[in-house]
Amino acid sequence: MRKSAYLLRGGQTHGWYRKYLAEGPDGFKRNKNPTSFNWSNKISIITNQPINRPHVQLTIQIDKDIAGKLIIELANDVVPNTVENFLRLCSNEGPRHLNNGGYKGSFIHMIRKGEVIMAGDIEKMDGKGNHSSFLNQRYIKDENFIIPHSERGLLSMVSTGIDTSGSQFYIDLAPAHHLNGRCVVFGRILEGLDVLNTIEKLFTIRSSPIRPVVIADCGLISYNNSVTAGPDGSNTNKKNNEK
C-alpha cells in the first residue's frame, strides 16, 4: 500500500516516473531518479563515443560593475538538445523579439541563499516568462534526468511540469536533491565560483536582488579541457580561454 501511494505521488510530480509509464522498463533505466554522475568520464555513457563538450562564458554585471565571468561546461554527450537550446540563447540565436534572441542583457532575478539562483527569462525579464530558443516552440522536452543535482555550481533548466523547459535556468548553490527527476541538469561551472559567492551574498527582498544583476555578455568559448576548478573557483592547471 505504501509503495502504491509513493508511486502515485511520483507519477504526479516526478518526470522520471512519467517517462517510465510512457516508455516502460527501458524508459525507467534512462530516466530514473539519478544518484551519481562522473563528470570526468572521457567516454559518453549515452553514445559510447569520446566526449567533446562545448564551453560558454557568462559575464556578470552588478549595477555598473563587472563582477566576473562564469565558465561553464555543457554536457552535450548526455542532453544534446538541452545544450543546443542553451547554446543558441548564449549566442543570441533565439527569437529576435525576445531580448534580441538570447541571454545577453537578461537578469538574475532570484537568489535563494543556500539553494539556487534563477536566471534566463528572455521573455518578460522578471521570472514570469519562459521561452525556448526556437521561435515556434515555447518549451523543449525533458531529455533525461541522468545527472543529479549533487553539488554547488550545477546548471539545470527551470521546469514547472513535464516538458516545460524554456530559457530559464537554475544554478545550484548547494546539492538540491528535491530537483532530481524534475529539472534537467545540463552543465557545471568550471571557473567563477567566487563570482557565484558574490551573487549569493547580495541583499535581497523576497529572494529578489535589490541591485540589478545582469548577464552583460555571453557566448561560446574555446577552453583547455585539462583545466580543473578548485573549490574556490580558481584553476589548478594552466588555462586557455578565448571568446
Protein backbone atom coordinates (compact mmCIF):
# COMPACT_ATOMS: atom_id res chain seq x y z
CA MET A 1 0.00 0.00 0.00
CA ARG A 2 2.79 2.37 0.89
CA LYS A 3 4.59 1.55 -2.36
CA SER A 4 1.48 2.26 -4.41
CA ALA A 5 0.99 5.59 -2.66
CA TYR A 6 4.63 6.51 -3.29
CA LEU A 7 4.41 5.62 -6.97
CA LEU A 8 1.21 7.61 -7.30
CA ARG A 9 2.92 10.68 -5.87
CA GLY A 10 5.87 10.04 -8.17
CA GLY A 11 3.53 9.86 -11.13
CA GLN A 12 2.19 13.29 -10.27
CA THR A 13 5.47 15.05 -9.63
CA HIS A 14 8.50 13.18 -10.97
CA GLY A 15 9.41 13.40 -14.62
CA TRP A 16 11.36 10.15 -14.49
CA TYR A 17 8.30 8.21 -13.35
CA ARG A 18 6.08 9.74 -16.03
CA LYS A 19 8.64 8.67 -18.61
CA TYR A 20 8.67 5.19 -17.09
CA LEU A 21 4.91 4.95 -17.53
CA ALA A 22 5.19 6.13 -21.13
CA GLU A 23 8.26 4.14 -22.20
CA GLY A 24 8.24 1.06 -19.95
CA PRO A 25 11.30 -0.52 -18.31
CA ASP A 26 13.74 0.90 -20.89
CA GLY A 27 12.46 4.37 -20.19
CA PHE A 28 12.90 3.77 -16.48
CA LYS A 29 16.56 2.83 -16.98
CA ARG A 30 17.17 6.05 -18.93
CA ASN A 31 15.20 8.41 -16.73
CA LYS A 32 15.16 7.02 -13.19
CA ASN A 33 15.87 9.30 -10.25
CA PRO A 34 19.66 9.87 -10.51
CA THR A 35 22.14 9.10 -7.76
CA SER A 36 25.58 9.95 -9.17
CA PHE A 37 27.39 11.16 -12.29
CA ASN A 38 31.10 11.24 -13.13
CA TRP A 39 31.94 14.48 -14.95
CA SER A 40 35.47 13.20 -15.59
CA ASN A 41 34.39 10.38 -17.90
CA LYS A 42 36.08 10.52 -21.30
CA ILE A 43 33.52 8.26 -23.00
CA SER A 44 29.82 9.14 -23.22
CA ILE A 45 27.52 6.89 -21.21
CA ILE A 46 24.85 7.51 -23.87
CA THR A 47 26.69 7.00 -27.18
CA ASN A 48 29.91 5.25 -26.03
CA GLN A 49 31.80 7.83 -28.12
CA PRO A 50 34.63 10.15 -26.97
CA ILE A 51 33.37 13.27 -25.23
CA ASN A 52 33.99 16.75 -26.67
CA ARG A 53 31.98 19.17 -24.59
CA PRO A 54 31.40 22.83 -25.51
CA HIS A 55 32.05 25.66 -23.06
CA VAL A 56 30.41 29.06 -22.66
CA GLN A 57 31.06 32.15 -20.58
CA LEU A 58 28.56 34.39 -18.82
CA THR A 59 29.87 37.83 -17.85
CA ILE A 60 28.05 39.01 -14.72
CA GLN A 61 27.48 42.70 -14.02
CA ILE A 62 26.18 44.03 -10.69
CA ASP A 63 24.91 47.59 -11.05
CA LYS A 64 27.57 49.11 -13.32
CA ASP A 65 30.43 46.92 -12.11
CA ILE A 66 31.62 43.71 -13.78
CA ALA A 67 31.73 41.03 -11.07
CA GLY A 68 33.48 38.45 -13.25
CA LYS A 69 32.81 35.53 -15.55
CA LEU A 70 31.25 32.12 -15.13
CA ILE A 71 32.94 29.49 -17.32
CA ILE A 72 30.51 26.65 -17.91
CA GLU A 73 30.98 23.13 -19.28
CA LEU A 74 27.93 21.77 -21.13
CA ALA A 75 27.06 18.06 -21.12
CA ASN A 76 26.10 17.66 -24.78
CA ASP A 77 27.00 13.97 -24.52
CA VAL A 78 24.11 13.44 -22.08
CA VAL A 79 21.47 16.04 -23.03
CA PRO A 80 22.34 17.31 -26.55
CA ASN A 81 19.01 19.02 -27.26
CA THR A 82 19.01 20.87 -23.94
CA VAL A 83 22.59 22.01 -24.54
CA GLU A 84 21.74 23.13 -28.09
CA ASN A 85 18.89 25.25 -26.71
CA PHE A 86 21.20 26.85 -24.12
CA LEU A 87 23.98 27.45 -26.66
CA ARG A 88 21.58 29.16 -29.06
CA LEU A 89 20.46 31.51 -26.28
CA CYS A 90 24.08 32.22 -25.29
CA SER A 91 24.76 33.14 -28.93
CA ASN A 92 21.58 35.24 -29.29
CA GLU A 93 20.14 32.89 -31.89
CA GLY A 94 16.68 32.71 -30.32
CA PRO A 95 13.52 34.63 -31.33
CA ARG A 96 14.63 38.20 -32.06
CA HIS A 97 11.57 39.76 -30.41
CA LEU A 98 12.58 38.20 -27.07
CA ASN A 99 15.52 40.24 -25.70
CA ASN A 100 17.20 40.19 -29.11
CA GLY A 101 17.18 36.41 -29.10
CA GLY A 102 19.28 35.49 -26.07
CA TYR A 103 20.62 35.87 -22.58
CA LYS A 104 22.74 38.98 -23.14
CA GLY A 105 21.14 41.79 -21.17
CA SER A 106 18.84 39.49 -19.17
CA PHE A 107 18.74 39.36 -15.37
CA ILE A 108 19.46 37.05 -12.49
CA HIS A 109 16.04 37.64 -10.99
CA MET A 110 16.03 35.36 -7.95
CA ILE A 111 18.62 34.42 -5.33
CA ARG A 112 17.62 31.81 -2.77
CA LYS A 113 20.61 31.76 -0.47
CA GLY A 114 21.94 28.28 0.16
CA GLU A 115 19.61 26.86 -2.50
CA VAL A 116 19.57 28.17 -6.07
CA ILE A 117 19.98 31.19 -8.32
CA MET A 118 17.43 31.69 -11.10
CA ALA A 119 18.15 33.49 -14.38
CA GLY A 120 17.45 33.47 -18.10
CA ASP A 121 13.96 34.94 -18.54
CA ILE A 122 14.29 36.36 -22.05
CA GLU A 123 10.54 36.82 -22.45
CA LYS A 124 9.44 39.08 -19.57
CA MET A 125 12.80 39.66 -17.87
CA ASP A 126 11.35 39.18 -14.37
CA GLY A 127 11.00 35.42 -13.92
CA LYS A 128 7.42 35.26 -15.18
CA GLY A 129 8.31 34.33 -18.75
CA ASN A 130 9.94 31.24 -20.22
CA HIS A 131 10.53 30.55 -23.92
CA SER A 132 12.94 28.25 -25.71
CA SER A 133 15.41 29.34 -28.38
CA PHE A 134 13.04 28.13 -31.10
CA LEU A 135 10.52 30.63 -32.46
CA ASN A 136 7.50 28.33 -32.75
CA GLN A 137 8.31 26.13 -29.77
CA ARG A 138 7.77 27.60 -26.32
CA TYR A 139 9.19 24.58 -24.49
CA ILE A 140 11.60 21.75 -25.18
CA LYS A 141 11.15 18.21 -23.93
CA ASP A 142 12.89 16.79 -20.89
CA GLU A 143 15.58 14.57 -22.40
CA ASN A 144 16.54 12.64 -19.27
CA PHE A 145 17.41 13.11 -15.61
CA ILE A 146 20.69 11.22 -15.59
CA ILE A 147 22.79 13.95 -13.93
CA PRO A 148 21.76 14.61 -10.31
CA HIS A 149 21.72 17.96 -8.51
CA SER A 150 24.60 16.77 -6.36
CA GLU A 151 26.86 19.79 -5.87
CA ARG A 152 27.24 23.56 -5.94
CA GLY A 153 27.65 25.13 -9.36
CA LEU A 154 25.47 22.83 -11.46
CA LEU A 155 23.09 24.28 -14.05
CA SER A 156 19.63 22.91 -14.79
CA MET A 157 16.53 24.03 -16.63
CA VAL A 158 13.71 25.61 -14.66
CA SER A 159 10.62 23.47 -15.06
CA THR A 160 7.02 23.92 -13.95
CA GLY A 161 5.97 20.44 -15.05
CA ILE A 162 6.75 17.70 -17.52
CA ASP A 163 8.46 19.01 -20.70
CA THR A 164 8.30 22.71 -19.75
CA SER A 165 11.98 23.72 -20.12
CA GLY A 166 12.44 27.02 -21.95
CA SER A 167 15.10 29.67 -21.33
CA GLN A 168 15.14 30.00 -17.54
CA PHE A 169 17.78 28.06 -15.66
CA TYR A 170 18.94 27.33 -12.13
CA ILE A 171 22.45 27.49 -10.73
CA ASP A 172 22.67 25.28 -7.66
CA LEU A 173 24.18 26.88 -4.56
CA ALA A 174 24.12 23.53 -2.75
CA PRO A 175 23.04 19.96 -3.50
CA ALA A 176 19.36 20.12 -4.49
CA HIS A 177 18.13 16.55 -4.40
CA HIS A 178 14.49 17.68 -4.39
CA LEU A 179 15.02 18.77 -8.02
CA ASN A 180 16.22 15.34 -9.16
CA GLY A 181 13.78 13.85 -11.64
CA ARG A 182 12.15 17.25 -12.13
CA CYS A 183 14.73 19.57 -13.70
CA VAL A 184 17.25 18.55 -16.36
CA VAL A 185 20.88 19.19 -15.35
CA PHE A 186 22.96 20.17 -18.39
CA GLY A 187 26.15 21.85 -17.19
CA ARG A 188 28.53 22.84 -14.41
CA ILE A 189 30.64 25.87 -13.54
CA LEU A 190 34.37 25.25 -14.04
CA GLU A 191 35.53 28.76 -13.16
CA GLY A 192 33.81 31.61 -11.38
CA LEU A 193 32.59 30.06 -8.16
CA ASP A 194 33.93 33.19 -6.47
CA VAL A 195 31.54 35.21 -8.66
CA LEU A 196 28.77 32.87 -7.55
CA ASN A 197 29.70 33.62 -3.94
CA THR A 198 29.43 37.36 -4.63
CA ILE A 199 25.98 36.95 -6.17
CA GLU A 200 24.74 34.80 -3.30
CA LYS A 201 25.78 37.42 -0.72
CA LEU A 202 23.76 40.22 -2.35
CA PHE A 203 20.94 41.72 -0.32
CA THR A 204 17.51 40.51 -1.42
CA ILE A 205 13.87 41.14 -0.60
CA ARG A 206 11.70 38.06 -1.02
CA SER A 207 14.61 36.47 -2.90
CA SER A 208 14.79 39.29 -5.45
CA PRO A 209 18.14 41.16 -5.52
CA ILE A 210 17.93 44.88 -4.76
CA ARG A 211 20.83 45.67 -7.09
CA PRO A 212 20.38 44.64 -10.75
CA VAL A 213 22.38 41.55 -11.63
CA VAL A 214 22.76 41.28 -15.39
CA ILE A 215 24.27 38.82 -17.85
CA ALA A 216 26.24 41.57 -19.58
CA ASP A 217 27.78 39.27 -22.18
CA CYS A 218 27.79 35.59 -23.06
CA GLY A 219 28.89 33.21 -25.75
CA LEU A 220 30.73 30.09 -26.84
CA ILE A 221 34.44 29.94 -25.99
CA SER A 222 37.38 27.65 -26.63
CA TYR A 223 38.62 26.06 -23.45
CA ASN A 224 41.54 23.87 -22.43
CA ASN A 225 39.92 20.65 -21.20
CA SER A 226 42.89 19.95 -18.94
CA VAL A 227 41.83 22.79 -16.66
CA THR A 228 40.14 21.87 -13.42
CA ALA A 229 38.48 24.22 -10.97
CA GLY A 230 39.40 24.38 -7.33
CA PRO A 231 36.81 24.67 -4.56
CA ASP A 232 37.03 28.47 -4.64
CA GLY A 233 36.60 28.64 -8.43
CA SER A 234 40.31 29.11 -9.10
CA ASN A 235 42.25 26.96 -11.56
CA THR A 236 44.62 24.21 -10.55
CA ASN A 237 46.16 23.96 -14.05
CA LYS A 238 47.03 26.39 -16.81
CA LYS A 239 44.09 27.69 -18.82
CA ASN A 240 43.50 28.76 -22.38
CA ASN A 241 40.19 30.54 -22.82
CA GLU A 242 39.17 32.61 -25.79
CA LYS A 243 35.91 34.36 -26.55
